[in-house]
Structures are given as C-alpha cells and as structure tokens.
C-alpha cells in the first residue's frame, strides 16, 4: 500500500474516531434535541386534528417520563384541556352542577391525578372551594364526563361569577412525587333564579327521530349474577350511535302491571357502543320466575343534572324479558346476619 493511501486511511480513521467520540460525548444533547423535535411535531399534529394515535404517543411519553419537565407540562396542557359547561340559570336553594368534559379521553395514561377546584367565587355564594379528584380522567376506563357539584347554595337570586381551576398532575408511581402539572383556569358565570324560572331540559320527538332511536337499542344478556342471596341471569339494554341525548328512568314492569323503578341515567349523543344496566336487586325479592318488561322512560329530571344536555329524546321503549331466580347454594340467612 502506498504511503499516500496510508495517510488517507489514517486520516479517515481519525476522523471517524473523532465523530464517534463526539457522538458519544454529545449523545444526551442529541437525544434531547431529537425528542424535543418529536414532541413539537406530535403536538402540532395533535392540536390540528386530535387523532387518538398521536395523543397516545404523547400520553406514553408522559407515562414513561421520557420528556423534560417543560415539555411534559406542555403535553399535559394539550391532553388535559377540557370543556366546562354550566346552565344559564339554576333554582335558588339548589347546588349548581358543572360538567367537565375532557377533549382527549381514553389515551392510556392511568396515573393522572386530577383536581377540579373553583378557586375564586363571587356574588351570592360564600367564598370557598369544592375539590373533586378523579384519576381516570385522561387515561382510564371510567366515564369521559365528570360532574362537579358546587356545594355552596346561593340564598337569594343573583348572578354568580367564579373561576374554576382544573389542576392536572402526573405523579411518579413509586415515590408519588409530582413529575408534570398543568392548571386550566376557566371563567364560569350563571344566574340563581326563583323556582320555575331556571333553565330546563326540553323534550324533542318526531316520527323520524323516534324510529332512529328505537333502532339504536336492543336487549342484552349480561351473564349470571351471584354472590348474594339470589342467583339469576342479568339483562341490560345496549345501544350504539345515539342520534339524540337521552335521560331515562329505568323500570321493570312485572307481568301483573306493577312497576319498580331501579334507577335513572342520562347519556349524551355519541357514536360508540354502551349499555344501560338494570339494578336488579331493587326488583328481586324472592326466588321464582320473573316475567315482564324492561322500560326506558324519558325523564327530564334525570337529565337536569348534566348542564351539557339541553334537550333529550321524549319517548319510551319496552323490552320483554323473563328469567329464573334461585337461592344461592349454601346461603344461610342466619349466618349472613352474623
């Protein structure tokens, strides 16, 4: 090999060694810069269309604590953004309900601690705060909407102005040290009015809407319930793609016409599947065969507590069902009473 080639190869080897050494030396800075670039790109994409896949990428960066505190707080600010809704007016003597709807639910982060706190209150309510914690808000499998009951009851009519602070924190699972945090301050205003003047939910109905609603619902077998005094097959009502909000009293009508109201529920319009269970312990009082109908009866009062609902479908649905109830093997009332 000629001396010239040796010099070139030697220089190339030295250059590669220098590059490799520099890359090793500055690797943390390179990784941080690439990560910052990645976070910026994902944040812009998510803010544009809020697609779930990009949201999950950002959420897992938080969950795995792979970003700086500053970037983590920025990500949390986007993922934790929520819409706060109140009614225009509430009846004097009642505690107003505020709904908090996350704009990015179900992203797969399960250890977020969320506190909803009306930090400043003015008008005809006592200065104070209401705290509500829910670790399911962004990442868990619980409800997507939270309702906050403002405990202070205004003693007389008047306007209420407050600032509601939604404080989101992500804690280290082991040490419980707060890693990332974000606070969203939302001004909220409403009126307290005499009875009969408060904003009320409206019923809506038409032949077309009635037909569409009934096509969304069907009866569903949920399996066998056990563990208490009785064993029985459970039934519920499932639905998908609601064209209108609903507020129902859930009732079981026995074949002799007796009705037992089990509970009430309200659901907003959405395109996903869900179900409405029946609280069967309110119905079942003894062993035997049960025949009747599950009834979903529209009820304005059931929907009044969700300020995001202004109207509900005004109708009723009935689903025939029958099942046998038996005493749980080994059940001893005297033993259980002890």
Protein backbone atom coordinates (compact mmCIF):
# COMPACT_ATOMS: atom_id res chain seq x y z
CA UNK A 1 0.00 0.00 0.00
CA UNK A 2 1.36 3.39 -0.94
CA UNK A 3 2.22 5.91 1.72
CA UNK A 4 -0.40 8.28 0.30
CA UNK A 5 -3.17 5.72 0.79
CA UNK A 6 -1.92 5.01 4.29
CA UNK A 7 -2.13 8.69 5.13
CA UNK A 8 -5.67 8.93 3.71
CA UNK A 9 -6.87 5.83 5.58
CA UNK A 10 -5.20 7.02 8.78
CA UNK A 11 -6.87 10.42 8.45
CA UNK A 12 -10.23 8.78 7.76
CA UNK A 13 -9.87 6.53 10.80
CA UNK A 14 -9.00 9.52 12.97
CA UNK A 15 -11.99 11.45 11.60
CA UNK A 16 -14.34 8.53 12.28
CA UNK A 17 -12.94 8.20 15.78
CA UNK A 18 -13.46 11.91 16.39
CA UNK A 19 -17.05 11.71 15.06
CA UNK A 20 -17.77 8.63 17.16
CA UNK A 21 -16.29 10.25 20.22
CA UNK A 22 -18.24 13.45 19.67
CA UNK A 23 -21.43 11.47 19.13
CA UNK A 24 -20.83 9.58 22.37
CA UNK A 25 -19.92 12.76 24.24
CA UNK A 26 -22.88 14.76 22.97
CA UNK A 27 -25.35 11.87 22.80
CA UNK A 28 -27.59 13.17 25.63
CA UNK A 29 -27.89 16.58 23.91
CA UNK A 30 -28.62 14.93 20.55
CA UNK A 31 -31.28 12.70 22.11
CA UNK A 32 -32.89 15.67 23.90
CA UNK A 33 -32.95 17.75 20.72
CA UNK A 34 -34.46 14.93 18.70
CA UNK A 35 -37.00 14.30 21.43
CA UNK A 36 -37.90 18.00 21.56
CA UNK A 37 -38.33 17.96 17.77
CA UNK A 38 -40.52 14.85 18.03
CA UNK A 39 -42.65 16.38 20.79
CA UNK A 40 -43.09 19.59 18.78
CA UNK A 41 -44.12 17.65 15.67
CA UNK A 42 -46.61 15.46 17.55
CA UNK A 43 -48.04 18.41 19.45
CA UNK A 44 -48.69 20.34 16.22
CA UNK A 45 -50.29 17.29 14.64
CA UNK A 46 -52.47 16.60 17.68
CA UNK A 47 -53.61 20.21 18.04
CA UNK A 48 -54.63 20.16 14.38
CA UNK A 49 -56.83 17.04 14.32
CA UNK A 50 -56.72 15.46 17.82
CA UNK A 51 -56.27 11.97 16.42
CA UNK A 52 -56.11 9.26 19.04
CA UNK A 53 -52.90 7.63 17.78
CA UNK A 54 -50.84 10.81 18.15
CA UNK A 55 -52.47 11.52 21.51
CA UNK A 56 -51.45 8.08 22.73
CA UNK A 57 -47.85 8.68 21.66
CA UNK A 58 -47.77 11.89 23.68
CA UNK A 59 -49.52 10.23 26.61
CA UNK A 60 -46.99 7.41 26.76
CA UNK A 61 -44.11 9.91 26.71
CA UNK A 62 -45.65 11.30 29.92
CA UNK A 63 -46.38 7.93 31.43
CA UNK A 64 -42.80 6.75 30.87
CA UNK A 65 -41.35 10.12 31.98
CA UNK A 66 -39.29 10.35 28.79
CA UNK A 67 -39.53 14.14 28.35
CA UNK A 68 -38.28 17.15 30.24
CA UNK A 69 -40.45 18.87 32.82
CA UNK A 70 -41.07 21.79 30.44
CA UNK A 71 -42.08 19.54 27.51
CA UNK A 72 -44.10 17.30 29.82
CA UNK A 73 -46.07 20.26 31.12
CA UNK A 74 -46.75 21.37 27.53
CA UNK A 75 -48.00 17.91 26.58
CA UNK A 76 -50.18 17.77 29.67
CA UNK A 77 -51.64 21.18 28.81
CA UNK A 78 -52.83 19.82 25.46
CA UNK A 79 -54.02 16.40 26.68
CA UNK A 80 -55.76 17.75 29.78
CA UNK A 81 -57.66 20.54 28.06
CA UNK A 82 -61.34 20.31 28.94
CA UNK A 83 -64.65 21.96 28.18
CA UNK A 84 -66.54 23.31 31.19
CA UNK A 85 -70.31 23.75 30.88
CA UNK A 86 -72.96 25.23 33.17
CA UNK A 87 -76.61 26.06 32.73
CA UNK A 88 -77.61 29.68 32.23
CA UNK A 89 -79.62 29.57 35.43
CA UNK A 90 -80.31 27.37 38.46
CA UNK A 91 -83.08 27.42 41.04
CA UNK A 92 -82.28 29.15 44.30
CA UNK A 93 -81.67 26.57 47.02
CA UNK A 94 -80.04 24.01 44.74
CA UNK A 95 -76.34 23.27 44.35
CA UNK A 96 -75.36 24.02 40.72
CA UNK A 97 -73.84 21.19 38.72
CA UNK A 98 -70.86 21.88 36.45
CA UNK A 99 -69.80 19.39 33.77
CA UNK A 100 -66.14 18.92 32.82
CA UNK A 101 -65.61 17.13 29.50
CA UNK A 102 -62.03 16.18 28.56
CA UNK A 103 -61.35 16.85 24.89
CA UNK A 104 -58.91 13.93 24.68
CA UNK A 105 -60.30 10.98 26.72
CA UNK A 106 -59.02 7.43 26.79
CA UNK A 107 -55.37 7.93 25.82
CA UNK A 108 -53.87 5.24 28.03
CA UNK A 109 -52.33 7.14 30.94
CA UNK A 110 -53.73 5.66 34.13
CA UNK A 111 -51.92 7.50 36.91
CA UNK A 112 -53.01 11.09 36.35
CA UNK A 113 -54.42 12.80 39.41
CA UNK A 114 -56.99 15.47 38.54
CA UNK A 115 -58.40 18.10 40.88
CA UNK A 116 -61.30 20.37 39.90
CA UNK A 117 -61.35 23.38 42.15
CA UNK A 118 -63.43 26.58 41.90
CA UNK A 119 -60.64 28.74 43.24
CA UNK A 120 -62.42 32.10 43.27
CA UNK A 121 -66.09 32.69 43.92
CA UNK A 122 -68.02 35.95 43.90
CA UNK A 123 -71.66 37.02 44.14
CA UNK A 124 -74.26 35.39 46.38
CA UNK A 125 -72.21 32.38 47.50
CA UNK A 126 -69.84 32.04 50.39
CA UNK A 127 -66.19 32.23 49.43
CA UNK A 128 -64.84 28.69 49.37
CA UNK A 129 -63.95 25.79 47.14
CA UNK A 130 -65.08 22.34 46.14
CA UNK A 131 -62.45 19.71 45.40
CA UNK A 132 -63.08 16.70 43.18
CA UNK A 133 -60.40 14.11 42.40
CA UNK A 134 -60.51 11.53 39.63
CA UNK A 135 -57.51 9.52 38.47
CA UNK A 136 -59.43 8.17 35.45
CA UNK A 137 -59.94 11.48 33.69
CA UNK A 138 -57.40 11.27 30.87
CA UNK A 139 -56.27 7.71 30.64
CA UNK A 140 -58.55 5.37 32.50
CA UNK A 141 -61.59 3.38 31.54
CA UNK A 142 -64.10 5.39 33.55
CA UNK A 143 -66.64 7.92 32.39
CA UNK A 144 -65.45 10.60 30.00
CA UNK A 145 -67.50 13.34 31.68
CA UNK A 146 -67.24 14.42 35.29
CA UNK A 147 -69.88 16.40 37.13
CA UNK A 148 -68.84 18.74 39.93
CA UNK A 149 -71.46 19.70 42.48
CA UNK A 150 -70.80 23.19 43.86
CA UNK A 151 -71.76 22.68 47.48
CA UNK A 152 -72.49 26.33 48.19
CA UNK A 153 -76.19 27.09 47.80
CA UNK A 154 -76.99 30.72 46.93
CA UNK A 155 -79.53 32.11 49.44
CA UNK A 156 -81.15 34.57 47.02
CA UNK A 157 -81.41 35.31 43.28
CA UNK A 158 -78.42 36.89 41.60
CA UNK A 159 -75.50 36.41 39.28
CA UNK A 160 -72.64 34.06 40.21
CA UNK A 161 -69.15 34.50 38.75
CA UNK A 162 -66.33 32.13 39.55
CA UNK A 163 -63.07 30.84 38.16
CA UNK A 164 -62.83 27.08 38.03
CA UNK A 165 -59.27 25.72 38.17
CA UNK A 166 -58.73 22.30 36.63
CA UNK A 167 -55.46 21.11 38.12
CA UNK A 168 -53.88 18.10 36.46
CA UNK A 169 -50.87 16.29 37.90
CA UNK A 170 -48.91 13.21 36.93
CA UNK A 171 -47.12 11.52 39.82
CA UNK A 172 -44.30 9.00 39.90
CA UNK A 173 -45.90 5.67 40.81
CA UNK A 174 -43.21 4.70 43.31
CA UNK A 175 -42.41 7.96 45.11
CA UNK A 176 -45.71 9.79 44.40
CA UNK A 177 -43.60 12.83 43.50
CA UNK A 178 -45.30 15.18 41.05
CA UNK A 179 -43.49 14.98 37.70
CA UNK A 180 -45.70 17.10 35.43
CA UNK A 181 -48.52 19.54 36.19
CA UNK A 182 -50.97 21.82 34.39
CA UNK A 183 -53.72 24.19 35.54
CA UNK A 184 -56.51 25.39 33.27
CA UNK A 185 -58.47 28.36 34.67
CA UNK A 186 -61.98 28.64 33.24
CA UNK A 187 -64.31 31.60 34.00
CA UNK A 188 -67.85 30.43 34.76
CA UNK A 189 -71.00 32.55 35.13
CA UNK A 190 -74.64 31.72 35.78
CA UNK A 191 -77.78 33.09 37.44
CA UNK A 192 -79.58 31.87 40.54
CA UNK A 193 -83.31 32.44 39.97
CA UNK A 194 -86.64 31.77 41.73
CA UNK A 195 -88.28 28.37 41.31
CA UNK A 196 -89.83 27.91 37.88
CA UNK A 197 -87.50 30.35 36.13
CA UNK A 198 -84.42 28.12 35.91
CA UNK A 199 -83.16 26.71 32.61
CA UNK A 200 -84.83 23.38 31.96
CA UNK A 201 -84.15 20.46 29.66
CA UNK A 202 -86.52 20.19 26.69
CA UNK A 203 -88.14 17.07 25.21
CA UNK A 204 -87.82 16.50 21.46
CA UNK A 205 -89.62 13.94 19.36
CA UNK A 206 -90.68 13.26 15.78
CA UNK A 207 -91.65 10.12 13.84
CA UNK A 208 -88.24 10.08 12.13
CA UNK A 209 -86.28 10.59 15.35
CA UNK A 210 -88.41 8.03 17.20
CA UNK A 211 -87.64 5.40 14.57
CA UNK A 212 -83.90 6.17 14.59
CA UNK A 213 -83.76 5.99 18.39
CA UNK A 214 -85.53 2.63 18.57
CA UNK A 215 -83.13 1.15 16.02
CA UNK A 216 -80.20 2.03 18.31
CA UNK A 217 -81.39 -0.10 21.24
CA UNK A 218 -81.58 -3.83 21.92
CA UNK A 219 -81.71 -6.13 24.94
CA UNK A 220 -78.50 -7.81 26.05
CA UNK A 221 -77.76 -10.84 28.28
CA UNK A 222 -75.03 -9.95 30.80
CA UNK A 223 -74.40 -13.33 32.39
CA UNK A 224 -75.34 -14.76 35.76
CA UNK A 225 -75.20 -12.71 38.94
CA UNK A 226 -74.17 -14.45 42.14
CA UNK A 227 -72.54 -13.88 45.48
CA UNK A 228 -75.62 -12.66 47.33
CA UNK A 229 -78.76 -14.40 48.49
CA UNK A 230 -80.02 -15.00 44.95
CA UNK A 231 -78.60 -16.15 41.63
CA UNK A 232 -80.18 -15.03 38.36
CA UNK A 233 -79.46 -14.14 34.76
CA UNK A 234 -78.89 -10.42 34.25
CA UNK A 235 -80.26 -8.42 31.35
CA UNK A 236 -79.43 -4.88 30.28
CA UNK A 237 -80.21 -2.64 27.31
CA UNK A 238 -77.41 -1.82 24.89
CA UNK A 239 -77.25 0.98 22.36
CA UNK A 240 -74.94 2.49 19.76
CA UNK A 241 -74.72 5.77 17.80
CA UNK A 242 -77.32 7.80 19.66
CA UNK A 243 -78.86 10.46 17.38
CA UNK A 244 -80.08 12.44 20.41
CA UNK A 245 -79.29 12.80 24.11
CA UNK A 246 -81.26 10.60 26.48
CA UNK A 247 -82.46 10.81 30.05
CA UNK A 248 -84.30 7.70 31.29
CA UNK A 249 -85.86 6.20 34.34
CA UNK A 250 -85.02 2.50 34.19
CA UNK A 251 -88.06 0.47 35.25
CA UNK A 252 -89.07 -3.17 35.45
CA UNK A 253 -92.78 -3.82 34.93
CA UNK A 254 -93.98 -7.17 36.27
CA UNK A 255 -96.49 -9.14 34.23
CA UNK A 256 -99.22 -8.09 36.71
CA UNK A 257 -98.52 -4.43 35.87
CA UNK A 258 -96.53 -3.48 38.99
CA UNK A 259 -93.61 -1.18 38.19
CA UNK A 260 -90.33 -0.98 40.08
CA UNK A 261 -88.06 1.94 39.31
CA UNK A 262 -84.45 0.78 39.62
CA UNK A 263 -82.53 3.98 38.86
CA UNK A 264 -82.24 6.88 36.40
CA UNK A 265 -79.50 7.72 33.92
CA UNK A 266 -78.56 10.27 31.30
CA UNK A 267 -76.28 9.87 28.26
CA UNK A 268 -75.06 12.33 25.67
CA UNK A 269 -75.13 11.80 21.93
CA UNK A 270 -72.14 9.72 20.83
CA UNK A 271 -71.14 7.21 18.19
CA UNK A 272 -69.83 4.43 20.41
CA UNK A 273 -71.42 1.36 21.98
CA UNK A 274 -72.59 1.37 25.58
CA UNK A 275 -75.25 -0.23 27.74
CA UNK A 276 -77.80 0.72 30.39
CA UNK A 277 -77.90 -1.82 33.22
CA UNK A 278 -80.89 -2.63 35.37
CA UNK A 279 -80.41 -2.52 39.13
CA UNK A 280 -81.93 -5.95 39.66
CA UNK A 281 -81.66 -6.11 43.49
CA UNK A 282 -84.42 -3.48 43.59
CA UNK A 283 -86.65 -5.87 41.64
CA UNK A 284 -85.77 -9.30 43.05
CA UNK A 285 -87.23 -10.00 46.47
CA UNK A 286 -87.66 -13.79 46.38
CA UNK A 287 -86.83 -16.87 44.32
CA UNK A 288 -89.06 -17.81 41.40
CA UNK A 289 -89.75 -16.96 37.75
CA UNK A 290 -89.85 -13.30 36.76
CA UNK A 291 -91.64 -12.14 33.63
CA UNK A 292 -92.15 -8.60 32.47
CA UNK A 293 -90.65 -5.70 30.57
CA UNK A 294 -87.59 -3.52 30.98
CA UNK A 295 -88.82 0.02 30.38
CA UNK A 296 -86.75 3.08 29.48
CA UNK A 297 -88.98 6.09 30.13
CA UNK A 298 -87.80 9.59 29.23
CA UNK A 299 -87.42 11.78 32.29
CA UNK A 300 -86.47 15.46 32.30
CA UNK A 301 -85.30 15.38 35.90
CA UNK A 302 -82.80 12.63 35.13
CA UNK A 303 -81.10 14.87 32.56
CA UNK A 304 -81.32 18.11 34.52
CA UNK A 305 -78.11 17.40 36.40
CA UNK A 306 -75.93 17.47 33.25
CA UNK A 307 -75.62 21.09 32.09
CA UNK A 308 -74.20 19.92 28.76
CA UNK A 309 -77.60 18.45 27.88
CA UNK A 310 -80.16 20.98 26.66
CA UNK A 311 -82.66 18.53 25.21
CA UNK A 312 -83.41 14.81 25.29
CA UNK A 313 -85.48 12.40 23.27
CA UNK A 314 -89.04 12.29 24.57
CA UNK A 315 -90.14 8.70 24.23
CA UNK A 316 -90.36 5.29 25.85
CA UNK A 317 -89.02 1.85 24.97
CA UNK A 318 -90.02 -1.57 26.31
CA UNK A 319 -88.14 -4.86 26.11
CA UNK A 320 -89.77 -8.14 27.21
CA UNK A 321 -87.66 -10.47 29.30
CA UNK A 322 -88.04 -13.40 31.68
CA UNK A 323 -85.62 -15.22 33.96
CA UNK A 324 -85.47 -17.59 36.90
CA UNK A 325 -84.19 -16.60 40.33
CA UNK A 326 -82.80 -19.27 42.66
CA UNK A 327 -81.38 -19.15 46.16
CA UNK A 328 -77.59 -19.24 46.14
CA UNK A 329 -76.38 -22.73 47.15
CA UNK A 330 -75.17 -22.73 50.73
CA UNK A 331 -76.88 -19.45 51.57
CA UNK A 332 -77.83 -19.22 55.23
CA UNK A 333 -79.64 -16.07 56.26
CA UNK A 334 -78.81 -16.52 59.94
CA UNK A 335 -75.10 -16.97 59.21
CA UNK A 336 -75.02 -13.94 56.90
CA UNK A 337 -76.71 -11.80 59.53
CA UNK A 338 -73.88 -12.53 61.95
